[in-house]
Amino acid sequence: GDAERPPLRPGGFDLVVAATLVRHLPAVAEGSVPWRAWL
């Protein structure tokens, strides 16, 4: 799935990591990162 919109259950994780992902996201070039979806 797309890590910008993870196909996962909300509230299901104690830890979310994106160790080397952020620099590869198209959204970063546009000035945003999908923090809300991850939170």
PDB file of all heavy atoms in Angstrom:
ATOM      1  N   GLY A   1       0.810  -1.201   0.000  1.00  0.00           N
ATOM      2  CA  GLY A   1       0.000   0.000   0.000  1.00  0.00           C
ATOM      3  C   GLY A   1       0.843   1.250   0.000  1.00  0.00           C
ATOM      4  O   GLY A   1       2.072   1.206   0.118  1.00  0.00           O
ATOM      5  N   ASP A   2       0.188   2.360  -0.128  1.00  0.00           N
ATOM      6  CA  ASP A   2       0.810   3.674  -0.176  1.00  0.00           C
ATOM      7  C   ASP A   2       1.068   4.164   1.244  1.00  0.00           C
ATOM      8  O   ASP A   2       0.127   4.327   2.028  1.00  0.00           O
ATOM      9  CB  ASP A   2      -0.129   4.633  -0.914  1.00  0.00           C
ATOM     10  CG  ASP A   2       0.457   6.002  -1.129  1.00  0.00           C
ATOM     11  OD1 ASP A   2       1.513   6.324  -0.537  1.00  0.00           O
ATOM     12  OD2 ASP A   2      -0.144   6.772  -1.891  1.00  0.00           O
ATOM     13  N   ALA A   3       2.313   4.401   1.575  1.00  0.00           N
ATOM     14  CA  ALA A   3       2.662   4.841   2.923  1.00  0.00           C
ATOM     15  C   ALA A   3       2.135   6.232   3.250  1.00  0.00           C
ATOM     16  O   ALA A   3       2.003   6.589   4.411  1.00  0.00           O
ATOM     17  CB  ALA A   3       4.176   4.808   3.109  1.00  0.00           C
ATOM     18  N   GLU A   4       1.791   7.021   2.226  1.00  0.00           N
ATOM     19  CA  GLU A   4       1.208   8.339   2.496  1.00  0.00           C
ATOM     20  C   GLU A   4      -0.227   8.207   2.993  1.00  0.00           C
ATOM     21  O   GLU A   4      -0.716   9.081   3.707  1.00  0.00           O
ATOM     22  CB  GLU A   4       1.241   9.201   1.237  1.00  0.00           C
ATOM     23  CG  GLU A   4       2.642   9.635   0.876  1.00  0.00           C
ATOM     24  CD  GLU A   4       2.650  10.607  -0.269  1.00  0.00           C
ATOM     25  OE1 GLU A   4       2.264  11.784  -0.046  1.00  0.00           O
ATOM     26  OE2 GLU A   4       3.023  10.193  -1.387  1.00  0.00           O
ATOM     27  N   ARG A   5      -0.884   7.136   2.612  1.00  0.00           N
ATOM     28  CA  ARG A   5      -2.245   6.828   3.071  1.00  0.00           C
ATOM     29  C   ARG A   5      -2.275   5.344   3.438  1.00  0.00           C
ATOM     30  O   ARG A   5      -2.826   4.527   2.698  1.00  0.00           O
ATOM     31  CB  ARG A   5      -3.255   7.138   1.973  1.00  0.00           C
ATOM     32  CG  ARG A   5      -3.420   8.629   1.710  1.00  0.00           C
ATOM     33  CD  ARG A   5      -4.327   8.931   0.534  1.00  0.00           C
ATOM     34  NE  ARG A   5      -3.791   8.536  -0.765  1.00  0.00           N
ATOM     35  CZ  ARG A   5      -2.783   9.129  -1.398  1.00  0.00           C
ATOM     36  NH1 ARG A   5      -2.166  10.139  -0.841  1.00  0.00           N
ATOM     37  NH2 ARG A   5      -2.374   8.719  -2.589  1.00  0.00           N
ATOM     38  N   PRO A   6      -1.637   4.990   4.552  1.00  0.00           N
ATOM     39  CA  PRO A   6      -1.475   3.573   4.888  1.00  0.00           C
ATOM     40  C   PRO A   6      -2.827   2.856   5.029  1.00  0.00           C
ATOM     41  O   PRO A   6      -3.731   3.363   5.680  1.00  0.00           O
ATOM     42  CB  PRO A   6      -0.750   3.595   6.232  1.00  0.00           C
ATOM     43  CG  PRO A   6      -0.195   4.961   6.371  1.00  0.00           C
ATOM     44  CD  PRO A   6      -1.060   5.869   5.558  1.00  0.00           C
ATOM     45  N   PRO A   7      -2.932   1.693   4.417  1.00  0.00           N
ATOM     46  CA  PRO A   7      -4.177   0.921   4.501  1.00  0.00           C
ATOM     47  C   PRO A   7      -4.232   0.112   5.803  1.00  0.00           C
ATOM     48  O   PRO A   7      -4.322  -1.119   5.795  1.00  0.00           O
ATOM     49  CB  PRO A   7      -4.088   0.011   3.270  1.00  0.00           C
ATOM     50  CG  PRO A   7      -2.624  -0.242   3.116  1.00  0.00           C
ATOM     51  CD  PRO A   7      -1.964   1.055   3.519  1.00  0.00           C
ATOM     52  N   LEU A   8      -4.150   0.824   6.922  1.00  0.00           N
ATOM     53  CA  LEU A   8      -4.093   0.183   8.230  1.00  0.00           C
ATOM     54  C   LEU A   8      -5.183   0.733   9.135  1.00  0.00           C
ATOM     55  O   LEU A   8      -5.672   1.850   8.934  1.00  0.00           O
ATOM     56  CB  LEU A   8      -2.718   0.413   8.866  1.00  0.00           C
ATOM     57  CG  LEU A   8      -1.502  -0.014   8.036  1.00  0.00           C
ATOM     58  CD1 LEU A   8      -0.218   0.403   8.731  1.00  0.00           C
ATOM     59  CD2 LEU A   8      -1.530  -1.514   7.779  1.00  0.00           C
ATOM     60  N   ARG A   9      -5.480  -0.023  10.166  1.00  0.00           N
ATOM     61  CA  ARG A   9      -6.526   0.348  11.121  1.00  0.00           C
ATOM     62  C   ARG A   9      -6.066   1.514  12.005  1.00  0.00           C
ATOM     63  O   ARG A   9      -5.013   1.438  12.647  1.00  0.00           O
ATOM     64  CB  ARG A   9      -6.853  -0.866  11.989  1.00  0.00           C
ATOM     65  CG  ARG A   9      -7.943  -0.649  12.998  1.00  0.00           C
ATOM     66  CD  ARG A   9      -8.231  -1.941  13.719  1.00  0.00           C
ATOM     67  NE  ARG A   9      -7.002  -2.498  14.265  1.00  0.00           N
ATOM     68  CZ  ARG A   9      -6.738  -2.603  15.554  1.00  0.00           C
ATOM     69  NH1 ARG A   9      -7.620  -2.243  16.443  1.00  0.00           N
ATOM     70  NH2 ARG A   9      -5.596  -3.107  15.969  1.00  0.00           N
ATOM     71  N   PRO A  10      -6.838   2.583  12.066  1.00  0.00           N
ATOM     72  CA  PRO A  10      -6.489   3.700  12.952  1.00  0.00           C
ATOM     73  C   PRO A  10      -6.402   3.228  14.403  1.00  0.00           C
ATOM     74  O   PRO A  10      -7.178   2.383  14.844  1.00  0.00           O
ATOM     75  CB  PRO A  10      -7.652   4.682  12.778  1.00  0.00           C
ATOM     76  CG  PRO A  10      -8.222   4.349  11.438  1.00  0.00           C
ATOM     77  CD  PRO A  10      -8.050   2.863  11.287  1.00  0.00           C
ATOM     78  N   GLY A  11      -5.446   3.774  15.125  1.00  0.00           N
ATOM     79  CA  GLY A  11      -5.297   3.476  16.542  1.00  0.00           C
ATOM     80  C   GLY A  11      -4.717   2.102  16.846  1.00  0.00           C
ATOM     81  O   GLY A  11      -4.693   1.690  17.996  1.00  0.00           O
ATOM     82  N   GLY A  12      -4.214   1.409  15.843  1.00  0.00           N
ATOM     83  CA  GLY A  12      -3.767   0.043  16.052  1.00  0.00           C
ATOM     84  C   GLY A  12      -2.297  -0.152  16.362  1.00  0.00           C
ATOM     85  O   GLY A  12      -1.851  -1.287  16.511  1.00  0.00           O
ATOM     86  N   PHE A  13      -1.526   0.936  16.505  1.00  0.00           N
ATOM     87  CA  PHE A  13      -0.081   0.778  16.643  1.00  0.00           C
ATOM     88  C   PHE A  13       0.476   1.610  17.794  1.00  0.00           C
ATOM     89  O   PHE A  13       0.039   2.730  18.045  1.00  0.00           O
ATOM     90  CB  PHE A  13       0.615   1.162  15.331  1.00  0.00           C
ATOM     91  CG  PHE A  13       0.226   0.242  14.218  1.00  0.00           C
ATOM     92  CD1 PHE A  13      -0.864   0.538  13.417  1.00  0.00           C
ATOM     93  CD2 PHE A  13       0.899  -0.940  14.009  1.00  0.00           C
ATOM     94  CE1 PHE A  13      -1.274  -0.328  12.419  1.00  0.00           C
ATOM     95  CE2 PHE A  13       0.505  -1.814  13.014  1.00  0.00           C
ATOM     96  CZ  PHE A  13      -0.580  -1.510  12.213  1.00  0.00           C
ATOM     97  N   ASP A  14       1.462   1.026  18.466  1.00  0.00           N
ATOM     98  CA  ASP A  14       2.155   1.724  19.546  1.00  0.00           C
ATOM     99  C   ASP A  14       3.276   2.606  19.003  1.00  0.00           C
ATOM    100  O   ASP A  14       3.674   3.574  19.637  1.00  0.00           O
ATOM    101  CB  ASP A  14       2.757   0.704  20.525  1.00  0.00           C
ATOM    102  CG  ASP A  14       1.698  -0.234  21.063  1.00  0.00           C
ATOM    103  OD1 ASP A  14       0.705   0.265  21.628  1.00  0.00           O
ATOM    104  OD2 ASP A  14       1.840  -1.463  20.896  1.00  0.00           O
ATOM    105  N   LEU A  15       3.761   2.232  17.829  1.00  0.00           N
ATOM    106  CA  LEU A  15       4.870   2.959  17.219  1.00  0.00           C
ATOM    107  C   LEU A  15       4.693   2.937  15.704  1.00  0.00           C
ATOM    108  O   LEU A  15       4.388   1.892  15.128  1.00  0.00           O
ATOM    109  CB  LEU A  15       6.199   2.290  17.595  1.00  0.00           C
ATOM    110  CG  LEU A  15       7.476   2.821  16.963  1.00  0.00           C
ATOM    111  CD1 LEU A  15       7.743   4.273  17.381  1.00  0.00           C
ATOM    112  CD2 LEU A  15       8.664   1.938  17.353  1.00  0.00           C
ATOM    113  N   VAL A  16       4.863   4.088  15.078  1.00  0.00           N
ATOM    114  CA  VAL A  16       4.878   4.190  13.625  1.00  0.00           C
ATOM    115  C   VAL A  16       6.235   4.764  13.252  1.00  0.00           C
ATOM    116  O   VAL A  16       6.636   5.810  13.772  1.00  0.00           O
ATOM    117  CB  VAL A  16       3.740   5.093  13.095  1.00  0.00           C
ATOM    118  CG1 VAL A  16       3.893   5.334  11.607  1.00  0.00           C
ATOM    119  CG2 VAL A  16       2.388   4.475  13.408  1.00  0.00           C
ATOM    120  N   VAL A  17       6.955   4.053  12.378  1.00  0.00           N
ATOM    121  CA  VAL A  17       8.266   4.516  11.924  1.00  0.00           C
ATOM    122  C   VAL A  17       8.247   4.688  10.405  1.00  0.00           C
ATOM    123  O   VAL A  17       7.547   3.970   9.697  1.00  0.00           O
ATOM    124  CB  VAL A  17       9.401   3.558  12.348  1.00  0.00           C
ATOM    125  CG1 VAL A  17       9.562   3.532  13.850  1.00  0.00           C
ATOM    126  CG2 VAL A  17       9.180   2.158  11.810  1.00  0.00           C
ATOM    127  N   ALA A  18       8.998   5.669   9.955  1.00  0.00           N
ATOM    128  CA  ALA A  18       9.175   5.925   8.517  1.00  0.00           C
ATOM    129  C   ALA A  18      10.637   6.329   8.345  1.00  0.00           C
ATOM    130  O   ALA A  18      10.953   7.432   7.919  1.00  0.00           O
ATOM    131  CB  ALA A  18       8.220   7.012   8.050  1.00  0.00           C
ATOM    132  N   ALA A  19      11.518   5.410   8.701  1.00  0.00           N
ATOM    133  CA  ALA A  19      12.942   5.698   8.877  1.00  0.00           C
ATOM    134  C   ALA A  19      13.620   6.344   7.680  1.00  0.00           C
ATOM    135  O   ALA A  19      14.351   7.311   7.833  1.00  0.00           O
ATOM    136  CB  ALA A  19      13.677   4.429   9.272  1.00  0.00           C
ATOM    137  N   THR A  20      13.410   5.845   6.505  1.00  0.00           N
ATOM    138  CA  THR A  20      14.081   6.418   5.342  1.00  0.00           C
ATOM    139  C   THR A  20      13.088   6.848   4.278  1.00  0.00           C
ATOM    140  O   THR A  20      13.464   7.138   3.149  1.00  0.00           O
ATOM    141  CB  THR A  20      15.079   5.412   4.727  1.00  0.00           C
ATOM    142  OG1 THR A  20      14.367   4.256   4.305  1.00  0.00           O
ATOM    143  CG2 THR A  20      16.153   5.016   5.711  1.00  0.00           C
ATOM    144  N   LEU A  21      11.842   6.904   4.645  1.00  0.00           N
ATOM    145  CA  LEU A  21      10.778   7.143   3.682  1.00  0.00           C
ATOM    146  C   LEU A  21      10.562   8.613   3.334  1.00  0.00           C
ATOM    147  O   LEU A  21      10.358   8.958   2.176  1.00  0.00           O
ATOM    148  CB  LEU A  21       9.468   6.556   4.228  1.00  0.00           C
ATOM    149  CG  LEU A  21       8.200   6.868   3.444  1.00  0.00           C
ATOM    150  CD1 LEU A  21       8.238   6.155   2.097  1.00  0.00           C
ATOM    151  CD2 LEU A  21       6.990   6.439   4.233  1.00  0.00           C
ATOM    152  N   VAL A  22      10.598   9.495   4.289  1.00  0.00           N
ATOM    153  CA  VAL A  22      10.143  10.871   4.117  1.00  0.00           C
ATOM    154  C   VAL A  22      10.791  11.555   2.918  1.00  0.00           C
ATOM    155  O   VAL A  22      10.124  12.196   2.118  1.00  0.00           O
ATOM    156  CB  VAL A  22      10.349  11.691   5.405  1.00  0.00           C
ATOM    157  CG1 VAL A  22      10.025  13.160   5.185  1.00  0.00           C
ATOM    158  CG2 VAL A  22       9.478  11.126   6.520  1.00  0.00           C
ATOM    159  N   ARG A  23      12.075  11.382   2.759  1.00  0.00           N
ATOM    160  CA  ARG A  23      12.770  12.069   1.654  1.00  0.00           C
ATOM    161  C   ARG A  23      12.321  11.597   0.275  1.00  0.00           C
ATOM    162  O   ARG A  23      12.570  12.254  -0.723  1.00  0.00           O
ATOM    163  CB  ARG A  23      14.273  11.914   1.798  1.00  0.00           C
ATOM    164  CG  ARG A  23      14.722  10.496   1.615  1.00  0.00           C
ATOM    165  CD  ARG A  23      16.220  10.370   1.708  1.00  0.00           C
ATOM    166  NE  ARG A  23      16.567   8.968   1.580  1.00  0.00           N
ATOM    167  CZ  ARG A  23      17.512   8.389   2.247  1.00  0.00           C
ATOM    168  NH1 ARG A  23      18.223   9.073   3.096  1.00  0.00           N
ATOM    169  NH2 ARG A  23      17.770   7.115   2.067  1.00  0.00           N
ATOM    170  N   HIS A  24      11.643  10.443   0.204  1.00  0.00           N
ATOM    171  CA  HIS A  24      11.195   9.890  -1.067  1.00  0.00           C
ATOM    172  C   HIS A  24       9.748  10.249  -1.422  1.00  0.00           C
ATOM    173  O   HIS A  24       9.296   9.932  -2.513  1.00  0.00           O
ATOM    174  CB  HIS A  24      11.321   8.361  -1.059  1.00  0.00           C
ATOM    175  CG  HIS A  24      12.727   7.900  -0.892  1.00  0.00           C
ATOM    176  ND1 HIS A  24      13.696   8.045  -1.864  1.00  0.00           N
ATOM    177  CD2 HIS A  24      13.341   7.299   0.150  1.00  0.00           C
ATOM    178  CE1 HIS A  24      14.833   7.556  -1.427  1.00  0.00           C
ATOM    179  NE2 HIS A  24      14.652   7.090  -0.207  1.00  0.00           N
ATOM    180  N   LEU A  25       9.043  10.871  -0.518  1.00  0.00           N
ATOM    181  CA  LEU A  25       7.631  11.150  -0.755  1.00  0.00           C
ATOM    182  C   LEU A  25       7.434  12.369  -1.653  1.00  0.00           C
ATOM    183  O   LEU A  25       8.037  13.418  -1.421  1.00  0.00           O
ATOM    184  CB  LEU A  25       6.899  11.399   0.571  1.00  0.00           C
ATOM    185  CG  LEU A  25       6.832  10.223   1.524  1.00  0.00           C
ATOM    186  CD1 LEU A  25       6.174  10.656   2.824  1.00  0.00           C
ATOM    187  CD2 LEU A  25       6.099   9.057   0.909  1.00  0.00           C
ATOM    188  N   PRO A  26       6.571  12.255  -2.651  1.00  0.00           N
ATOM    189  CA  PRO A  26       6.264  13.419  -3.492  1.00  0.00           C
ATOM    190  C   PRO A  26       5.716  14.580  -2.675  1.00  0.00           C
ATOM    191  O   PRO A  26       5.983  15.738  -2.984  1.00  0.00           O
ATOM    192  CB  PRO A  26       5.208  12.898  -4.468  1.00  0.00           C
ATOM    193  CG  PRO A  26       5.362  11.424  -4.465  1.00  0.00           C
ATOM    194  CD  PRO A  26       5.882  11.053  -3.103  1.00  0.00           C
ATOM    195  N   ALA A  27       4.986  14.287  -1.623  1.00  0.00           N
ATOM    196  CA  ALA A  27       4.391  15.347  -0.800  1.00  0.00           C
ATOM    197  C   ALA A  27       5.456  16.241  -0.179  1.00  0.00           C
ATOM    198  O   ALA A  27       5.229  17.429   0.028  1.00  0.00           O
ATOM    199  CB  ALA A  27       3.515  14.741   0.299  1.00  0.00           C
ATOM    200  N   VAL A  28       6.630  15.697   0.103  1.00  0.00           N
ATOM    201  CA  VAL A  28       7.699  16.490   0.707  1.00  0.00           C
ATOM    202  C   VAL A  28       8.129  17.590  -0.252  1.00  0.00           C
ATOM    203  O   VAL A  28       8.330  18.738   0.142  1.00  0.00           O
ATOM    204  CB  VAL A  28       8.890  15.589   1.098  1.00  0.00           C
ATOM    205  CG1 VAL A  28      10.070  16.417   1.557  1.00  0.00           C
ATOM    206  CG2 VAL A  28       8.461  14.615   2.181  1.00  0.00           C
ATOM    207  N   ALA A  29       8.233  17.267  -1.518  1.00  0.00           N
ATOM    208  CA  ALA A  29       8.602  18.270  -2.517  1.00  0.00           C
ATOM    209  C   ALA A  29       7.547  19.366  -2.608  1.00  0.00           C
ATOM    210  O   ALA A  29       7.857  20.501  -2.953  1.00  0.00           O
ATOM    211  CB  ALA A  29       8.792  17.612  -3.879  1.00  0.00           C
ATOM    212  N   GLU A  30       6.322  19.038  -2.275  1.00  0.00           N
ATOM    213  CA  GLU A  30       5.229  20.015  -2.305  1.00  0.00           C
ATOM    214  C   GLU A  30       5.096  20.760  -0.981  1.00  0.00           C
ATOM    215  O   GLU A  30       4.193  21.572  -0.805  1.00  0.00           O
ATOM    216  CB  GLU A  30       3.920  19.301  -2.633  1.00  0.00           C
ATOM    217  CG  GLU A  30       3.926  18.647  -3.998  1.00  0.00           C
ATOM    218  CD  GLU A  30       2.794  17.651  -4.174  1.00  0.00           C
ATOM    219  OE1 GLU A  30       1.901  17.595  -3.311  1.00  0.00           O
ATOM    220  OE2 GLU A  30       2.818  16.927  -5.172  1.00  0.00           O
ATOM    221  N   GLY A  31       5.958  20.444  -0.028  1.00  0.00           N
ATOM    222  CA  GLY A  31       5.954  21.152   1.240  1.00  0.00           C
ATOM    223  C   GLY A  31       5.087  20.541   2.321  1.00  0.00           C
ATOM    224  O   GLY A  31       4.849  21.177   3.339  1.00  0.00           O
ATOM    225  N   SER A  32       4.643  19.307   2.146  1.00  0.00           N
ATOM    226  CA  SER A  32       3.863  18.689   3.214  1.00  0.00           C
ATOM    227  C   SER A  32       4.241  17.221   3.342  1.00  0.00           C
ATOM    228  O   SER A  32       4.771  16.605   2.431  1.00  0.00           O
ATOM    229  CB  SER A  32       2.368  18.814   2.941  1.00  0.00           C
ATOM    230  OG  SER A  32       2.003  17.992   1.858  1.00  0.00           O
ATOM    231  N   VAL A  33       4.002  16.705   4.511  1.00  0.00           N
ATOM    232  CA  VAL A  33       4.222  15.296   4.817  1.00  0.00           C
ATOM    233  C   VAL A  33       2.916  14.789   5.436  1.00  0.00           C
ATOM    234  O   VAL A  33       2.246  15.536   6.146  1.00  0.00           O
ATOM    235  CB  VAL A  33       5.407  15.141   5.804  1.00  0.00           C
ATOM    236  CG1 VAL A  33       5.598  13.699   6.202  1.00  0.00           C
ATOM    237  CG2 VAL A  33       6.683  15.687   5.179  1.00  0.00           C
ATOM    238  N   PRO A  34       2.534  13.557   5.182  1.00  0.00           N
ATOM    239  CA  PRO A  34       1.231  13.062   5.657  1.00  0.00           C
ATOM    240  C   PRO A  34       1.204  12.721   7.149  1.00  0.00           C
ATOM    241  O   PRO A  34       0.802  11.639   7.560  1.00  0.00           O
ATOM    242  CB  PRO A  34       1.021  11.815   4.791  1.00  0.00           C
ATOM    243  CG  PRO A  34       2.395  11.341   4.484  1.00  0.00           C
ATOM    244  CD  PRO A  34       3.224  12.596   4.344  1.00  0.00           C
ATOM    245  N   TRP A  35       1.623  13.677   7.986  1.00  0.00           N
ATOM    246  CA  TRP A  35       1.677  13.420   9.429  1.00  0.00           C
ATOM    247  C   TRP A  35       0.327  12.993   9.979  1.00  0.00           C
ATOM    248  O   TRP A  35       0.258  12.087  10.798  1.00  0.00           O
ATOM    249  CB  TRP A  35       2.145  14.658  10.189  1.00  0.00           C
ATOM    250  CG  TRP A  35       3.445  15.226   9.764  1.00  0.00           C
ATOM    251  CD1 TRP A  35       3.662  16.479   9.273  1.00  0.00           C
ATOM    252  CD2 TRP A  35       4.731  14.586   9.775  1.00  0.00           C
ATOM    253  NE1 TRP A  35       4.998  16.652   8.986  1.00  0.00           N
ATOM    254  CE2 TRP A  35       5.675  15.511   9.287  1.00  0.00           C
ATOM    255  CE3 TRP A  35       5.167  13.318  10.151  1.00  0.00           C
ATOM    256  CZ2 TRP A  35       7.027  15.211   9.168  1.00  0.00           C
ATOM    257  CZ3 TRP A  35       6.517  13.023  10.022  1.00  0.00           C
ATOM    258  CH2 TRP A  35       7.420  13.958   9.550  1.00  0.00           C
ATOM    259  N   ARG A  36      -0.742  13.638   9.572  1.00  0.00           N
ATOM    260  CA  ARG A  36      -2.063  13.339  10.135  1.00  0.00           C
ATOM    261  C   ARG A  36      -2.428  11.880   9.903  1.00  0.00           C
ATOM    262  O   ARG A  36      -2.875  11.196  10.820  1.00  0.00           O
ATOM    263  CB  ARG A  36      -3.119  14.272   9.531  1.00  0.00           C
ATOM    264  CG  ARG A  36      -4.546  13.985   9.903  1.00  0.00           C
ATOM    265  CD  ARG A  36      -4.959  14.019  11.374  1.00  0.00           C
ATOM    266  NE  ARG A  36      -4.284  14.929  12.236  1.00  0.00           N
ATOM    267  CZ  ARG A  36      -4.035  14.698  13.539  1.00  0.00           C
ATOM    268  NH1 ARG A  36      -4.442  13.588  14.114  1.00  0.00           N
ATOM    269  NH2 ARG A  36      -3.398  15.553  14.265  1.00  0.00           N
ATOM    270  N   ALA A  37      -2.231  11.376   8.698  1.00  0.00           N
ATOM    271  CA  ALA A  37      -2.543   9.973   8.402  1.00  0.00           C
ATOM    272  C   ALA A  37      -1.706   9.048   9.267  1.00  0.00           C
ATOM    273  O   ALA A  37      -2.188   8.002   9.713  1.00  0.00           O
ATOM    274  CB  ALA A  37      -2.316   9.678   6.920  1.00  0.00           C
ATOM    275  N   TRP A  38      -0.463   9.423   9.517  1.00  0.00           N
ATOM    276  CA  TRP A  38       0.412   8.585  10.329  1.00  0.00           C
ATOM    277  C   TRP A  38       0.027   8.664  11.799  1.00  0.00           C
ATOM    278  O   TRP A  38       0.001   7.651  12.491  1.00  0.00           O
ATOM    279  CB  TRP A  38       1.861   8.991  10.139  1.00  0.00           C
ATOM    280  CG  TRP A  38       2.354   8.796   8.725  1.00  0.00           C
ATOM    281  CD1 TRP A  38       1.692   8.179   7.692  1.00  0.00           C
ATOM    282  CD2 TRP A  38       3.589   9.230   8.189  1.00  0.00           C
ATOM    283  NE1 TRP A  38       2.454   8.202   6.547  1.00  0.00           N
ATOM    284  CE2 TRP A  38       3.619   8.838   6.817  1.00  0.00           C
ATOM    285  CE3 TRP A  38       4.671   9.907   8.723  1.00  0.00           C
ATOM    286  CZ2 TRP A  38       4.702   9.113   5.998  1.00  0.00           C
ATOM    287  CZ3 TRP A  38       5.749  10.177   7.897  1.00  0.00           C
ATOM    288  CH2 TRP A  38       5.768   9.782   6.554  1.00  0.00           C
ATOM    289  N   LEU A  39      -0.277   9.862  12.285  1.00  0.00           N
ATOM    290  CA  LEU A  39      -0.686  10.012  13.682  1.00  0.00           C
ATOM    291  C   LEU A  39      -1.983   9.265  13.968  1.00  0.00           C
ATOM    292  O   LEU A  39      -2.157   8.740  15.069  1.00  0.00           O
ATOM    293  CB  LEU A  39      -0.817  11.494  14.032  1.00  0.00           C
ATOM    294  CG  LEU A  39       0.499  12.273  14.092  1.00  0.00           C
ATOM    295  CD1 LEU A  39       0.213  13.770  14.215  1.00  0.00           C
ATOM    296  CD2 LEU A  39       1.374  11.786  15.228  1.00  0.00           C
TER     297      LEU A  39
END
